Amino acid sequence: MKAIVYHAPKQFSYMDVPDPQIQPDEALIRVRACGICGTDLHIHEGEFLAEFPLIPGHEIAGEIAAVGSAVKGLKVGDRVVADNTELCGHCFYCRRDQPLYCENFVSHGCNVAGGLAEYVAIKAEKIFPIHNLSWREAVMVEPTACAMHGMDVIALKPGNEVLLFGAGPTGIILAQLLRLNGAAHLTIAAPPGPKLELAARLAADEVVTVERGDYSRHRQQLLAAHPHGFDCVVEATGSPRLCEEAIQYARLGGQVIVYGVYPEAARITWSPYEIFKRELTIKGSFAQTHCFDRALLYLESGKIRVDAVVTQEFALQDYGLALEALRSRQGIKSAVVP
């Protein structure tokens, strides 16, 4: 089969590789679409769990091409999406029922073979049938699952006022979930453009534009309009600079959610005295596991809208162009179609 294969950070080829051989508890998926997101740029750099050689791609949708001898409930031809996370079940954290912290965490497209190929083998327990979703919508199930985990971390209270930095694809989903699950007033702050326009149309009560060359503008606007700050501030851009300033928008007793994917070498400075004095809570939200079923409930029902998120498709051999589109912020989101 054809696949994108990384040999080392920043070094990949479009090449022939052997077809995956499935185990009794696995199914073979013929990939119909695989989303590309900011995490893929970090993997390209050798960050975020990346292990090489690697077939990338963690937002996988396709059709069942074969099933292992022990698989039940799936059949050839089923339209499905794949939860890319696999857990060992026996490490310190798995035995404490904290599977996301698994010490042997496996993520297809990050440290084992993913969906930027014609076929991928996935454990049957991690495969979910889809019914109402197009392939473009189906690649958004994994990002929605990550946003579901983010909502679990945030634990929003009804009536909260929320500030969300970022209107990328996951931010667009997270904004809708925040609106549906307790945010009485949602402010979205992000650079101007189609992403912010879509997030505003789907979920925002208030929009504040972020000028990348002059952060003082949004800072003045937010502090003037919300002198007491927000109950919850979610930083979903992956910008260390915005993460560092996020703390100033949290009201006394509020919380800051570090949600974006940041460069591993990035560092920020927060005053521990401010966190102490204002009784702030700082939380991180990393990836997801066991969230696909709830994500699908929102997507299949249409309560979360993603039909306008994927704006570009690329052939598998044009993966480099898809990366460049992501890096240069072209459109909203891209999918690779083998």
Protein backbone atom coordinates (compact mmCIF):
# COMPACT_ATOMS: atom_id res chain seq x y z
CA MET A 1 0.00 0.00 0.00
CA LYS A 2 0.97 3.66 -0.27
CA ALA A 3 1.70 5.64 2.91
CA ILE A 4 3.42 8.71 4.29
CA VAL A 5 6.41 7.53 6.32
CA TYR A 6 8.55 9.69 8.59
CA HIS A 7 12.11 8.44 8.89
CA ALA A 8 13.12 11.18 11.35
CA PRO A 9 11.80 14.59 12.38
CA LYS A 10 11.00 16.71 9.30
CA GLN A 11 11.93 13.83 6.97
CA PHE A 12 9.05 11.98 5.30
CA SER A 13 8.38 10.11 2.06
CA TYR A 14 5.36 8.98 0.07
CA MET A 15 6.22 5.33 -0.46
CA ASP A 16 5.15 1.71 -0.72
CA VAL A 17 4.95 -0.22 2.56
CA PRO A 18 3.55 -3.68 3.36
CA ASP A 19 -0.18 -3.91 4.01
CA PRO A 20 -0.95 -4.18 7.75
CA GLN A 21 -1.47 -7.72 9.04
CA ILE A 22 -4.34 -7.74 11.51
CA GLN A 23 -4.40 -9.66 14.79
CA PRO A 24 -7.49 -11.65 15.89
CA ASP A 25 -8.79 -8.67 17.92
CA GLU A 26 -8.18 -6.08 15.18
CA ALA A 27 -9.92 -4.81 12.06
CA LEU A 28 -8.40 -3.43 8.90
CA ILE A 29 -9.70 0.00 7.91
CA ARG A 30 -9.53 1.29 4.37
CA VAL A 31 -8.87 4.97 5.07
CA ARG A 32 -11.32 7.31 3.34
CA ALA A 33 -10.19 10.50 5.06
CA CYS A 34 -7.66 11.51 7.71
CA GLY A 35 -7.67 14.95 9.29
CA ILE A 36 -4.58 17.11 9.74
CA CYS A 37 -4.28 19.28 12.85
CA GLY A 38 -1.75 21.37 14.76
CA THR A 39 -0.53 18.29 16.61
CA ASP A 40 0.77 16.98 13.28
CA LEU A 41 3.08 20.00 13.05
CA HIS A 42 4.51 19.09 16.46
CA ILE A 43 4.94 15.46 15.34
CA HIS A 44 6.66 16.75 12.20
CA GLU A 45 9.16 18.45 14.54
CA GLY A 46 9.65 15.26 16.57
CA GLU A 47 7.52 16.40 19.53
CA PHE A 48 4.29 15.15 21.13
CA LEU A 49 5.02 11.44 21.68
CA ALA A 50 6.56 11.08 18.22
CA GLU A 51 8.58 7.91 17.60
CA PHE A 52 10.20 7.11 14.27
CA PRO A 53 9.85 5.54 11.77
CA LEU A 54 6.19 6.54 11.79
CA ILE A 55 3.11 6.65 9.59
CA PRO A 56 1.34 9.78 10.94
CA GLY A 57 -2.36 10.63 11.01
CA HIS A 58 -4.57 10.29 14.10
CA GLU A 59 -8.00 11.54 12.89
CA ILE A 60 -9.06 8.41 11.03
CA ALA A 61 -12.27 7.61 9.15
CA GLY A 62 -12.89 4.81 6.68
CA GLU A 63 -14.49 1.49 5.82
CA ILE A 64 -13.89 -1.93 7.33
CA ALA A 65 -11.89 -3.99 4.82
CA ALA A 66 -11.30 -7.10 6.98
CA VAL A 67 -11.93 -8.28 10.54
CA GLY A 68 -9.91 -10.53 12.81
CA SER A 69 -11.15 -13.95 13.86
CA ALA A 70 -12.15 -12.78 17.37
CA VAL A 71 -13.97 -9.60 16.27
CA LYS A 72 -17.72 -9.32 16.79
CA GLY A 73 -20.08 -6.47 15.95
CA LEU A 74 -18.14 -5.21 12.92
CA LYS A 75 -18.36 -6.34 9.32
CA VAL A 76 -16.68 -5.59 6.02
CA GLY A 77 -18.10 -2.40 4.51
CA ASP A 78 -19.05 -0.70 7.78
CA ARG A 79 -18.36 3.04 7.83
CA VAL A 80 -16.31 3.76 10.95
CA VAL A 81 -14.02 6.07 12.85
CA ALA A 82 -11.09 4.98 15.01
CA ASP A 83 -10.15 6.06 18.50
CA ASN A 84 -6.39 6.37 18.08
CA THR A 85 -5.55 5.71 21.74
CA GLU A 86 -4.60 2.28 23.11
CA LEU A 87 -3.82 1.57 26.77
CA CYS A 88 -1.93 -1.25 28.43
CA GLY A 89 -4.42 -1.89 31.25
CA HIS A 90 -1.77 -3.04 33.74
CA CYS A 91 0.55 -0.13 34.56
CA PHE A 92 0.42 1.95 37.77
CA TYR A 93 -2.11 4.44 36.35
CA CYS A 94 -4.28 1.95 34.47
CA ARG A 95 -4.68 -0.05 37.68
CA ARG A 96 -5.77 3.17 39.41
CA ASP A 97 -8.48 3.71 36.74
CA GLN A 98 -6.60 6.68 35.26
CA PRO A 99 -6.13 5.32 31.73
CA LEU A 100 -5.19 8.62 30.06
CA TYR A 101 -2.01 8.60 32.15
CA CYS A 102 -1.09 5.09 30.97
CA GLU A 103 2.68 4.64 31.16
CA ASN A 104 2.58 2.64 27.91
CA PHE A 105 0.22 5.03 26.09
CA VAL A 106 -0.07 4.20 22.39
CA SER A 107 -1.47 6.69 19.91
CA HIS A 108 -1.94 5.77 16.27
CA GLY A 109 -0.31 8.46 14.17
CA CYS A 110 1.89 9.62 17.05
CA ASN A 111 3.99 6.67 18.18
CA VAL A 112 2.53 3.78 16.12
CA ALA A 113 1.21 3.59 12.56
CA GLY A 114 -1.66 5.96 11.81
CA GLY A 115 -4.09 6.86 9.09
CA LEU A 116 -2.00 8.65 6.46
CA ALA A 117 -1.96 5.45 4.45
CA GLU A 118 -4.37 3.43 2.36
CA TYR A 119 -5.01 1.01 5.25
CA VAL A 120 -4.53 0.93 9.02
CA ALA A 121 -5.02 -1.87 11.56
CA ILE A 122 -6.92 -0.87 14.74
CA LYS A 123 -8.15 -2.88 17.72
CA ALA A 124 -11.86 -3.59 17.26
CA GLU A 125 -12.72 -2.17 20.68
CA LYS A 126 -11.45 1.21 19.45
CA ILE A 127 -13.61 1.29 16.30
CA PHE A 128 -16.98 3.08 16.21
CA PRO A 129 -19.57 2.84 13.41
CA ILE A 130 -20.90 6.11 11.98
CA HIS A 131 -24.27 6.70 10.35
CA ASN A 132 -25.09 10.34 9.56
CA LEU A 133 -21.63 11.82 9.06
CA SER A 134 -19.85 12.56 5.80
CA TRP A 135 -16.16 11.67 5.59
CA ARG A 136 -15.29 15.36 6.09
CA GLU A 137 -17.39 15.43 9.26
CA ALA A 138 -16.09 12.04 10.42
CA VAL A 139 -12.48 13.23 10.71
CA MET A 140 -13.77 15.66 13.35
CA VAL A 141 -14.80 12.88 15.76
CA GLU A 142 -11.33 12.61 17.29
CA PRO A 143 -11.03 16.40 17.86
CA THR A 144 -14.54 16.36 19.36
CA ALA A 145 -13.51 13.55 21.69
CA CYS A 146 -10.53 15.65 22.82
CA ALA A 147 -12.89 18.55 23.45
CA MET A 148 -15.15 16.22 25.46
CA HIS A 149 -12.21 15.39 27.70
CA GLY A 150 -11.52 19.11 27.95
CA MET A 151 -15.06 19.64 29.20
CA ASP A 152 -14.54 16.92 31.81
CA VAL A 153 -11.44 18.77 33.03
CA ILE A 154 -13.14 22.16 33.02
CA ALA A 155 -16.20 20.88 34.94
CA LEU A 156 -18.12 24.03 34.08
CA LYS A 157 -20.82 25.26 36.44
CA PRO A 158 -24.13 26.51 35.03
CA GLY A 159 -24.08 30.28 34.71
CA ASN A 160 -20.31 30.59 34.30
CA GLU A 161 -18.79 33.34 32.21
CA VAL A 162 -16.10 31.90 29.94
CA LEU A 163 -13.29 33.34 27.85
CA LEU A 164 -11.95 31.08 25.09
CA PHE A 165 -8.72 32.00 23.34
CA GLY A 166 -8.59 30.32 19.95
CA ALA A 167 -10.97 29.53 17.10
CA GLY A 168 -9.14 26.68 15.41
CA PRO A 169 -11.03 23.49 14.53
CA THR A 170 -10.95 22.14 18.09
CA GLY A 171 -11.72 25.61 19.45
CA ILE A 172 -14.82 25.74 17.22
CA ILE A 173 -16.00 22.45 18.75
CA LEU A 174 -15.05 23.43 22.29
CA ALA A 175 -16.95 26.72 21.93
CA GLN A 176 -20.12 24.82 21.07
CA LEU A 177 -19.67 22.41 23.97
CA LEU A 178 -19.08 25.29 26.39
CA ARG A 179 -22.25 26.97 25.17
CA LEU A 180 -24.27 23.76 25.54
CA ASN A 181 -22.89 22.84 28.97
CA GLY A 182 -23.16 25.81 31.29
CA ALA A 183 -21.57 28.93 29.79
CA ALA A 184 -24.08 31.73 30.31
CA HIS A 185 -21.81 34.09 28.41
CA LEU A 186 -19.04 32.96 26.05
CA THR A 187 -16.38 35.34 24.78
CA ILE A 188 -14.14 34.08 21.97
CA ALA A 189 -10.84 35.87 21.35
CA ALA A 190 -8.88 34.94 18.22
CA PRO A 191 -7.27 36.47 15.13
CA PRO A 192 -9.76 37.74 12.53
CA GLY A 193 -10.66 35.46 9.65
CA PRO A 194 -12.92 32.58 8.64
CA LYS A 195 -12.17 30.49 11.76
CA LEU A 196 -13.32 33.23 14.12
CA GLU A 197 -16.31 33.99 11.90
CA LEU A 198 -17.44 30.36 12.04
CA ALA A 199 -16.90 30.09 15.81
CA ALA A 200 -18.83 33.32 16.31
CA ARG A 201 -21.73 32.12 14.18
CA LEU A 202 -21.97 28.79 15.99
CA ALA A 203 -21.41 29.70 19.63
CA ALA A 204 -20.13 33.13 20.70
CA ASP A 205 -21.99 35.76 22.68
CA GLU A 206 -19.07 38.14 22.19
CA VAL A 207 -16.09 38.22 19.85
CA VAL A 208 -12.76 39.95 20.47
CA THR A 209 -10.16 40.03 17.71
CA VAL A 210 -6.55 39.25 18.56
CA GLU A 211 -3.95 41.10 16.51
CA ARG A 212 -0.80 38.98 16.43
CA GLY A 213 1.41 42.09 16.27
CA ASP A 214 -0.32 44.04 19.04
CA TYR A 215 -1.71 42.13 22.01
CA SER A 216 -2.49 45.38 23.84
CA ARG A 217 -5.69 45.81 21.78
CA HIS A 218 -7.53 42.71 22.93
CA ARG A 219 -6.09 43.10 26.43
CA GLN A 220 -7.57 46.58 26.84
CA GLN A 221 -10.91 45.53 25.36
CA LEU A 222 -11.27 42.45 27.59
CA LEU A 223 -10.23 44.16 30.81
CA ALA A 224 -12.48 47.16 30.14
CA ALA A 225 -15.55 45.07 29.29
CA HIS A 226 -14.98 42.48 32.05
CA PRO A 227 -13.35 44.22 35.03
CA HIS A 228 -14.07 41.24 37.29
CA GLY A 229 -12.73 38.77 34.75
CA PHE A 230 -14.15 35.36 33.90
CA ASP A 231 -14.99 32.24 35.88
CA CYS A 232 -13.04 30.19 33.35
CA VAL A 233 -10.34 31.11 30.84
CA VAL A 234 -9.49 28.47 28.23
CA GLU A 235 -6.24 28.95 26.27
CA ALA A 236 -6.65 26.83 23.15
CA THR A 237 -4.23 28.47 20.70
CA GLY A 238 -0.97 26.81 21.73
CA SER A 239 0.64 30.26 22.03
CA PRO A 240 2.90 30.46 25.11
CA ARG A 241 2.50 34.24 25.09
CA LEU A 242 -1.30 34.04 25.27
CA CYS A 243 -1.07 31.30 27.87
CA GLU A 244 1.11 33.53 30.04
CA GLU A 245 -1.37 36.40 29.93
CA ALA A 246 -4.47 34.20 30.37
CA ILE A 247 -4.14 34.30 34.13
CA GLN A 248 -4.94 38.02 34.27
CA TYR A 249 -8.45 37.45 32.89
CA ALA A 250 -9.48 34.94 35.57
CA ARG A 251 -11.60 36.39 38.37
CA LEU A 252 -10.98 35.58 42.02
CA GLY A 253 -11.55 31.86 42.53
CA GLY A 254 -11.53 31.29 38.77
CA GLN A 255 -9.68 28.73 36.69
CA VAL A 256 -7.31 28.73 33.72
CA ILE A 257 -7.31 25.76 31.35
CA VAL A 258 -4.09 25.07 29.45
CA TYR A 259 -5.63 23.38 26.44
CA GLY A 260 -3.49 24.17 23.39
CA VAL A 261 -0.54 22.09 22.19
CA TYR A 262 2.62 24.09 22.90
CA PRO A 263 6.25 23.69 21.82
CA GLU A 264 7.95 21.40 24.34
CA ALA A 265 10.71 23.92 24.97
CA ALA A 266 8.29 26.81 25.67
CA ARG A 267 8.35 28.41 29.13
CA ILE A 268 6.06 30.99 30.74
CA THR A 269 6.14 33.05 33.94
CA TRP A 270 3.24 33.20 36.38
CA SER A 271 3.28 34.80 39.81
CA PRO A 272 2.74 32.12 42.46
CA TYR A 273 1.61 34.87 44.81
CA GLU A 274 -1.21 35.81 42.39
CA ILE A 275 -2.33 32.19 42.17
CA PHE A 276 -2.21 31.96 45.98
CA LYS A 277 -3.88 35.30 46.69
CA ARG A 278 -6.66 34.94 44.12
CA GLU A 279 -7.20 31.21 44.78
CA LEU A 280 -6.84 30.37 41.11
CA THR A 281 -6.98 26.86 39.70
CA ILE A 282 -4.67 25.94 36.80
CA LYS A 283 -5.53 22.78 34.86
CA GLY A 284 -4.14 21.03 31.81
CA SER A 285 -6.15 19.02 29.27
CA PHE A 286 -4.24 16.41 27.28
CA ALA A 287 -5.72 14.38 24.40
CA GLN A 288 -8.51 11.94 25.32
CA THR A 289 -9.45 8.36 25.84
CA HIS A 290 -12.89 6.74 26.19
CA CYS A 291 -14.63 9.87 24.87
CA PHE A 292 -15.59 8.77 21.34
CA ASP A 293 -19.05 7.54 22.26
CA ARG A 294 -20.09 10.89 23.75
CA ALA A 295 -18.47 12.79 20.88
CA LEU A 296 -20.51 10.75 18.40
CA LEU A 297 -23.75 11.46 20.29
CA TYR A 298 -23.19 15.19 19.82
CA LEU A 299 -22.08 14.91 16.19
CA GLU A 300 -24.59 12.36 14.91
CA SER A 301 -27.44 14.34 16.49
CA GLY A 302 -26.26 17.60 14.92
CA LYS A 303 -26.00 19.36 18.28
CA ILE A 304 -22.33 20.00 17.46
CA ARG A 305 -21.87 21.34 13.93
CA VAL A 306 -18.68 20.53 12.02
CA ASP A 307 -19.95 20.46 8.43
CA ALA A 308 -18.14 23.72 7.56
CA VAL A 309 -14.86 23.00 9.37
CA VAL A 310 -12.95 20.94 6.76
CA THR A 311 -12.38 23.37 3.91
CA GLN A 312 -9.64 21.61 1.91
CA GLU A 313 -8.83 18.09 0.77
CA PHE A 314 -5.43 16.80 -0.37
CA ALA A 315 -4.36 13.56 -2.01
CA LEU A 316 -2.09 11.34 0.06
CA GLN A 317 0.92 12.12 -2.12
CA ASP A 318 0.31 15.84 -1.47
CA TYR A 319 0.69 15.55 2.31
CA GLY A 320 3.50 18.11 2.20
CA LEU A 321 1.09 20.64 0.71
CA ALA A 322 -1.43 19.87 3.46
CA LEU A 323 1.24 20.55 6.10
CA GLU A 324 2.11 23.83 4.43
CA ALA A 325 -1.56 24.84 4.30
CA LEU A 326 -1.76 24.18 8.03
CA ARG A 327 1.46 26.06 8.76
CA SER A 328 0.39 29.08 6.70
CA ARG A 329 -3.15 29.08 8.14
CA GLN A 330 -4.91 28.48 4.82
CA GLY A 331 -8.62 27.77 5.23
CA ILE A 332 -9.94 26.27 8.45
CA LYS A 333 -8.92 22.60 8.35
CA SER A 334 -7.53 20.11 5.85
CA ALA A 335 -8.15 16.41 5.34
CA VAL A 336 -6.02 13.93 3.40
CA VAL A 337 -7.98 11.55 1.18
CA PRO A 338 -5.94 8.46 0.18
